Amino acid sequence: MSVVTPDWLAERVGEPSVRVLDVRWYLIDHDLGRREYTQGHIPGAVFMDLEDDLSDLSIEREGRHPIPEPAVLKARFERVGIGTDTTIVAYDNGPSAIAARAWWLLRNLGHPDAHVLDGGLKAWKEGGHPLSDTVPEYPPATFETDVEEWDTVTLAEVAERGDTVLLDARAPERFRGEVEPADPIAGHIPGAINLPTTDLIGDDQRLLAPEELRARFSAAGANPEEQAIACCGSGVTACHLVLAASVAGLPEPKLYPGSYSQWVREGMPVEAGD
């Protein structure tokens, strides 16, 4: 079960084994998510920042949001009370792209019980559930993992991918090269297919039904019998493609963490348009 409903979470908030993870973050204002957390969050939720906690900006030439080494990330989770025996639900303010990054990291560290709150905080509030401004303190936990390196795709592997489908989760206008708020050159990796996050969710910010998700992946050219590659601007929103494929019962795309931000900074060729 990759995603859970607000009602499911509401029944479990406050249980000793449950940890709720607030990962709100915005490209236009990197500190806004933390400020929003202090003003109100799901009761018992701890805050982790995309750049300070779920990335390692000291790693060079790996895109804008490099994934921390597994041992480093493990320690960060342990510090906020997330261990192997905890049930974890991550959320943002919709459409769950940042929450999907946390979910992907936890899953790939080997955590057996990590989930995303479908619809995020918007769905929580619309369900009539309360908020709190109390910042909880949990004792450090033990996160057992034998993962020493990430099972992801490199720039070289993307460049030599052959017929493997490369899905790009960015907004259509960024994919087409009409706007680019974060990277030095607009456009996309040659041969990539645009499957934006907005095509996988409804107006309520929740993921579409599994059969509709399968139809969207199929329309984008993804083969239900083969593993695609997921990319975006910096390896964050691409995790939402992995989450959606999991919910749809499809092979989960392999993540290209560096994504377009690494690709373009390494001087690789770029295309514009559809």
Protein backbone atom coordinates (compact mmCIF):
# COMPACT_ATOMS: atom_id res chain seq x y z
CA MET A 1 0.00 0.00 0.00
CA SER A 2 1.91 3.01 -1.31
CA VAL A 3 -0.71 5.67 -0.51
CA VAL A 4 -3.13 6.07 2.39
CA THR A 5 -6.23 8.18 2.88
CA PRO A 6 -6.67 10.99 5.42
CA ASP A 7 -9.21 8.88 7.33
CA TRP A 8 -6.77 5.97 7.51
CA LEU A 9 -4.12 8.26 8.95
CA ALA A 10 -6.53 10.00 11.34
CA GLU A 11 -7.29 6.66 12.97
CA ARG A 12 -3.58 6.12 13.67
CA VAL A 13 -2.21 9.57 14.53
CA GLY A 14 -0.78 9.50 18.03
CA GLU A 15 0.06 5.81 18.03
CA PRO A 16 3.61 5.25 19.35
CA SER A 17 4.70 3.38 16.24
CA VAL A 18 3.46 6.00 13.76
CA ARG A 19 5.55 8.86 12.43
CA VAL A 20 4.08 11.53 10.19
CA LEU A 21 6.54 13.37 7.99
CA ASP A 22 5.82 16.91 6.75
CA VAL A 23 7.98 17.66 3.70
CA ARG A 24 6.30 20.75 2.26
CA TRP A 25 8.66 22.60 -0.10
CA TYR A 26 8.22 25.08 -2.94
CA LEU A 27 10.50 25.91 -5.85
CA ILE A 28 9.54 29.60 -5.69
CA ASP A 29 10.30 29.94 -1.95
CA HIS A 30 12.48 27.26 -0.39
CA ASP A 31 11.68 28.24 3.21
CA LEU A 32 7.91 28.52 2.82
CA GLY A 33 7.27 24.89 3.70
CA ARG A 34 9.09 25.20 7.03
CA ARG A 35 7.17 28.38 7.86
CA GLU A 36 3.88 26.70 7.02
CA TYR A 37 4.81 23.78 9.25
CA THR A 38 5.31 26.04 12.26
CA GLN A 39 1.90 27.62 11.65
CA GLY A 40 0.06 24.32 11.49
CA HIS A 41 0.64 20.67 10.61
CA ILE A 42 -0.87 17.24 11.10
CA PRO A 43 -0.64 16.46 14.84
CA GLY A 44 2.58 14.68 15.69
CA ALA A 45 4.25 15.43 12.37
CA VAL A 46 7.96 16.16 12.20
CA PHE A 47 9.40 18.40 9.49
CA MET A 48 12.15 17.41 7.08
CA ASP A 49 13.39 19.81 4.44
CA LEU A 50 13.96 18.72 0.85
CA GLU A 51 17.32 20.49 0.59
CA ASP A 52 18.61 20.22 4.16
CA ASP A 53 17.47 16.65 4.90
CA LEU A 54 16.35 14.76 1.79
CA SER A 55 19.20 16.00 -0.44
CA ASP A 56 22.93 16.58 -0.09
CA LEU A 57 23.80 19.84 -1.79
CA SER A 58 27.51 19.29 -1.09
CA ILE A 59 27.63 16.58 -3.76
CA GLU A 60 28.87 18.13 -6.99
CA ARG A 61 27.82 17.45 -10.59
CA GLU A 62 24.77 15.36 -9.64
CA GLY A 63 22.03 17.91 -10.32
CA ARG A 64 20.25 20.37 -8.06
CA HIS A 65 19.04 17.86 -5.45
CA PRO A 66 21.59 15.06 -5.13
CA ILE A 67 20.50 12.07 -3.07
CA PRO A 68 22.48 11.72 0.19
CA GLU A 69 24.60 8.64 0.74
CA PRO A 70 22.46 5.89 2.34
CA ALA A 71 24.35 6.03 5.66
CA VAL A 72 23.90 9.81 5.86
CA LEU A 73 20.18 9.61 5.13
CA LYS A 74 19.71 6.74 7.58
CA ALA A 75 21.15 8.90 10.36
CA ARG A 76 18.89 11.81 9.45
CA PHE A 77 15.80 9.64 9.67
CA GLU A 78 16.94 8.14 12.97
CA ARG A 79 17.43 11.61 14.42
CA VAL A 80 13.74 12.50 14.01
CA GLY A 81 12.51 9.20 15.43
CA ILE A 82 12.07 7.22 12.21
CA GLY A 83 13.20 3.63 12.59
CA THR A 84 12.66 0.29 10.96
CA ASP A 85 9.68 -0.52 13.20
CA THR A 86 7.76 2.71 12.60
CA THR A 87 4.90 3.24 10.18
CA ILE A 88 5.69 6.37 8.16
CA VAL A 89 3.28 8.62 6.29
CA ALA A 90 4.78 11.50 4.31
CA TYR A 91 2.80 14.45 3.04
CA ASP A 92 3.20 17.82 1.39
CA ASN A 93 0.62 20.36 0.21
CA GLY A 94 -0.14 18.42 -2.97
CA PRO A 95 0.35 16.93 -5.47
CA SER A 96 2.60 14.76 -3.28
CA ALA A 97 5.75 15.09 -5.39
CA ILE A 98 7.97 15.93 -2.40
CA ALA A 99 6.22 13.29 -0.29
CA ALA A 100 6.96 10.81 -3.07
CA ARG A 101 10.65 11.71 -2.80
CA ALA A 102 10.59 10.85 0.92
CA TRP A 103 8.68 7.65 0.15
CA TRP A 104 11.18 6.67 -2.56
CA LEU A 105 14.13 7.26 -0.24
CA LEU A 106 12.59 5.24 2.57
CA ARG A 107 11.54 2.40 0.28
CA ASN A 108 14.96 2.22 -1.35
CA LEU A 109 16.65 2.21 2.05
CA GLY A 110 14.65 -0.94 2.67
CA HIS A 111 11.93 0.44 4.94
CA PRO A 112 8.94 -1.93 4.83
CA ASP A 113 6.18 0.45 5.96
CA ALA A 114 6.43 3.83 4.23
CA HIS A 115 3.42 5.57 2.65
CA VAL A 116 2.27 8.83 1.07
CA LEU A 117 -0.84 10.69 2.22
CA ASP A 118 -2.95 10.78 -0.92
CA GLY A 119 -3.99 14.36 -1.60
CA GLY A 120 -1.60 15.74 1.00
CA LEU A 121 -2.51 18.37 3.56
CA LYS A 122 -5.27 19.71 1.32
CA ALA A 123 -7.12 16.40 1.54
CA TRP A 124 -6.47 16.19 5.29
CA LYS A 125 -8.07 19.58 5.92
CA GLU A 126 -10.95 18.94 3.54
CA GLY A 127 -11.68 15.78 5.51
CA GLY A 128 -12.23 17.89 8.62
CA HIS A 129 -9.14 16.68 10.43
CA PRO A 130 -7.31 18.97 12.88
CA LEU A 131 -3.97 20.76 12.69
CA SER A 132 -1.47 21.45 15.46
CA ASP A 133 1.32 23.98 15.94
CA THR A 134 3.06 21.83 18.57
CA VAL A 135 6.49 20.63 17.45
CA PRO A 136 6.92 17.08 18.75
CA GLU A 137 10.16 15.63 20.05
CA TYR A 138 10.82 11.93 19.59
CA PRO A 139 13.74 9.89 20.89
CA PRO A 140 16.24 8.79 18.25
CA ALA A 141 15.25 5.54 16.56
CA THR A 142 17.17 2.66 14.99
CA PHE A 143 16.88 2.32 11.22
CA GLU A 144 18.32 -0.99 10.12
CA THR A 145 19.44 -1.16 6.50
CA ASP A 146 22.11 -2.95 4.51
CA VAL A 147 21.81 -0.61 1.53
CA GLU A 148 25.22 0.87 0.68
CA GLU A 149 24.47 2.42 -2.71
CA TRP A 150 21.37 3.51 -4.58
CA ASP A 151 19.86 1.47 -7.41
CA THR A 152 19.41 4.34 -9.84
CA VAL A 153 20.31 5.36 -13.39
CA THR A 154 23.33 7.49 -14.27
CA LEU A 155 23.72 10.18 -16.92
CA ALA A 156 25.76 7.79 -19.06
CA GLU A 157 23.07 5.13 -18.84
CA VAL A 158 20.40 7.62 -19.90
CA ALA A 159 22.54 8.71 -22.85
CA GLU A 160 22.95 5.08 -23.93
CA ARG A 161 19.44 3.88 -23.05
CA GLY A 162 18.50 2.75 -26.55
CA ASP A 163 14.78 1.99 -26.77
CA THR A 164 14.12 2.30 -23.04
CA VAL A 165 11.33 4.84 -22.45
CA LEU A 166 12.40 7.99 -20.61
CA LEU A 167 9.50 9.74 -18.85
CA ASP A 168 9.81 13.39 -17.80
CA ALA A 169 7.48 14.50 -14.98
CA ARG A 170 7.91 18.26 -15.38
CA ALA A 171 5.17 20.68 -16.37
CA PRO A 172 4.53 20.73 -20.15
CA GLU A 173 5.74 24.31 -20.58
CA ARG A 174 9.08 23.45 -18.98
CA PHE A 175 9.39 20.27 -21.03
CA ARG A 176 8.73 22.20 -24.25
CA GLY A 177 11.34 24.80 -23.31
CA GLU A 178 8.91 27.71 -23.10
CA VAL A 179 9.91 28.59 -19.52
CA GLU A 180 12.68 27.47 -17.19
CA PRO A 181 12.73 28.80 -13.62
CA ALA A 182 15.64 26.74 -12.27
CA ASP A 183 18.07 25.48 -14.89
CA PRO A 184 20.35 27.44 -17.26
CA ILE A 185 18.90 26.15 -20.55
CA ALA A 186 15.26 25.36 -21.30
CA GLY A 187 14.12 22.15 -22.96
CA HIS A 188 14.35 18.42 -22.31
CA ILE A 189 16.56 15.38 -22.78
CA PRO A 190 16.33 14.23 -26.40
CA GLY A 191 13.80 11.46 -26.86
CA ALA A 192 12.13 11.98 -23.48
CA ILE A 193 8.34 11.76 -23.24
CA ASN A 194 6.42 14.21 -21.10
CA LEU A 195 4.14 12.66 -18.46
CA PRO A 196 3.57 15.54 -16.04
CA THR A 197 2.50 15.02 -12.47
CA THR A 198 -0.68 16.99 -13.17
CA ASP A 199 -1.79 14.29 -15.64
CA LEU A 200 -1.73 11.69 -12.86
CA ILE A 201 -3.90 13.46 -10.28
CA GLY A 202 -7.42 14.82 -10.09
CA ASP A 203 -8.62 18.26 -9.08
CA ASP A 204 -8.49 17.07 -5.48
CA GLN A 205 -4.72 16.47 -5.78
CA ARG A 206 -5.22 12.72 -5.28
CA LEU A 207 -3.83 10.11 -7.62
CA LEU A 208 -6.19 8.85 -10.30
CA ALA A 209 -7.65 5.35 -10.05
CA PRO A 210 -5.22 2.55 -10.97
CA GLU A 211 -6.90 1.78 -14.29
CA GLU A 212 -6.76 5.47 -15.31
CA LEU A 213 -3.10 5.67 -14.28
CA ARG A 214 -2.35 2.64 -16.44
CA ALA A 215 -4.06 4.37 -19.35
CA ARG A 216 -1.97 7.52 -18.86
CA PHE A 217 1.28 5.56 -18.76
CA SER A 218 0.24 3.59 -21.84
CA ALA A 219 -0.64 6.78 -23.73
CA ALA A 220 2.84 8.09 -22.92
CA GLY A 221 4.38 5.02 -24.54
CA ALA A 222 5.36 3.11 -21.41
CA ASN A 223 5.32 -0.66 -21.95
CA PRO A 224 3.55 -2.44 -19.06
CA GLU A 225 6.04 -5.30 -19.41
CA GLU A 226 9.20 -3.18 -19.31
CA GLN A 227 10.84 -0.83 -16.84
CA ALA A 228 11.02 2.79 -17.94
CA ILE A 229 13.29 5.55 -16.59
CA ALA A 230 11.85 8.50 -14.64
CA CYS A 231 13.34 11.99 -14.72
CA CYS A 232 12.28 15.57 -14.05
CA GLY A 233 14.19 18.74 -13.19
CA SER A 234 16.25 17.44 -10.29
CA GLY A 235 15.12 13.93 -9.43
CA VAL A 236 12.31 14.94 -7.06
CA THR A 237 9.08 15.07 -9.05
CA ALA A 238 10.25 11.98 -10.94
CA CYS A 239 9.60 10.04 -7.73
CA HIS A 240 5.91 10.81 -8.24
CA LEU A 241 6.04 8.81 -11.47
CA VAL A 242 7.45 5.88 -9.51
CA LEU A 243 4.69 6.25 -6.91
CA ALA A 244 1.96 6.44 -9.56
CA ALA A 245 3.32 3.34 -11.31
CA SER A 246 3.32 1.50 -7.99
CA VAL A 247 -0.32 2.40 -7.36
CA ALA A 248 -1.18 1.40 -10.94
CA GLY A 249 0.42 -2.01 -10.53
CA LEU A 250 2.98 -1.29 -13.26
CA PRO A 251 6.74 -1.88 -13.22
CA GLU A 252 8.19 1.01 -11.24
CA PRO A 253 10.38 3.25 -13.40
CA LYS A 254 14.02 3.46 -12.42
CA LEU A 255 14.97 6.90 -11.12
CA TYR A 256 17.50 9.17 -12.83
CA PRO A 257 18.35 11.36 -9.80
CA GLY A 258 20.42 13.97 -11.63
CA SER A 259 17.66 14.48 -14.19
CA TYR A 260 17.56 17.51 -16.46
CA SER A 261 19.53 19.74 -14.06
CA GLN A 262 22.55 17.43 -14.27
CA TRP A 263 22.08 16.71 -17.96
CA VAL A 264 22.09 20.35 -19.03
CA ARG A 265 24.95 21.35 -16.70
CA GLU A 266 27.12 18.60 -18.17
CA GLY A 267 26.69 20.09 -21.63
CA MET A 268 24.55 17.30 -23.02
CA PRO A 269 22.28 17.95 -26.04
CA VAL A 270 18.84 19.43 -25.43
CA GLU A 271 15.61 19.44 -27.39
CA ALA A 272 12.66 21.86 -27.26
CA GLY A 273 9.03 21.44 -28.24
CA ASP A 274 6.89 18.33 -27.88
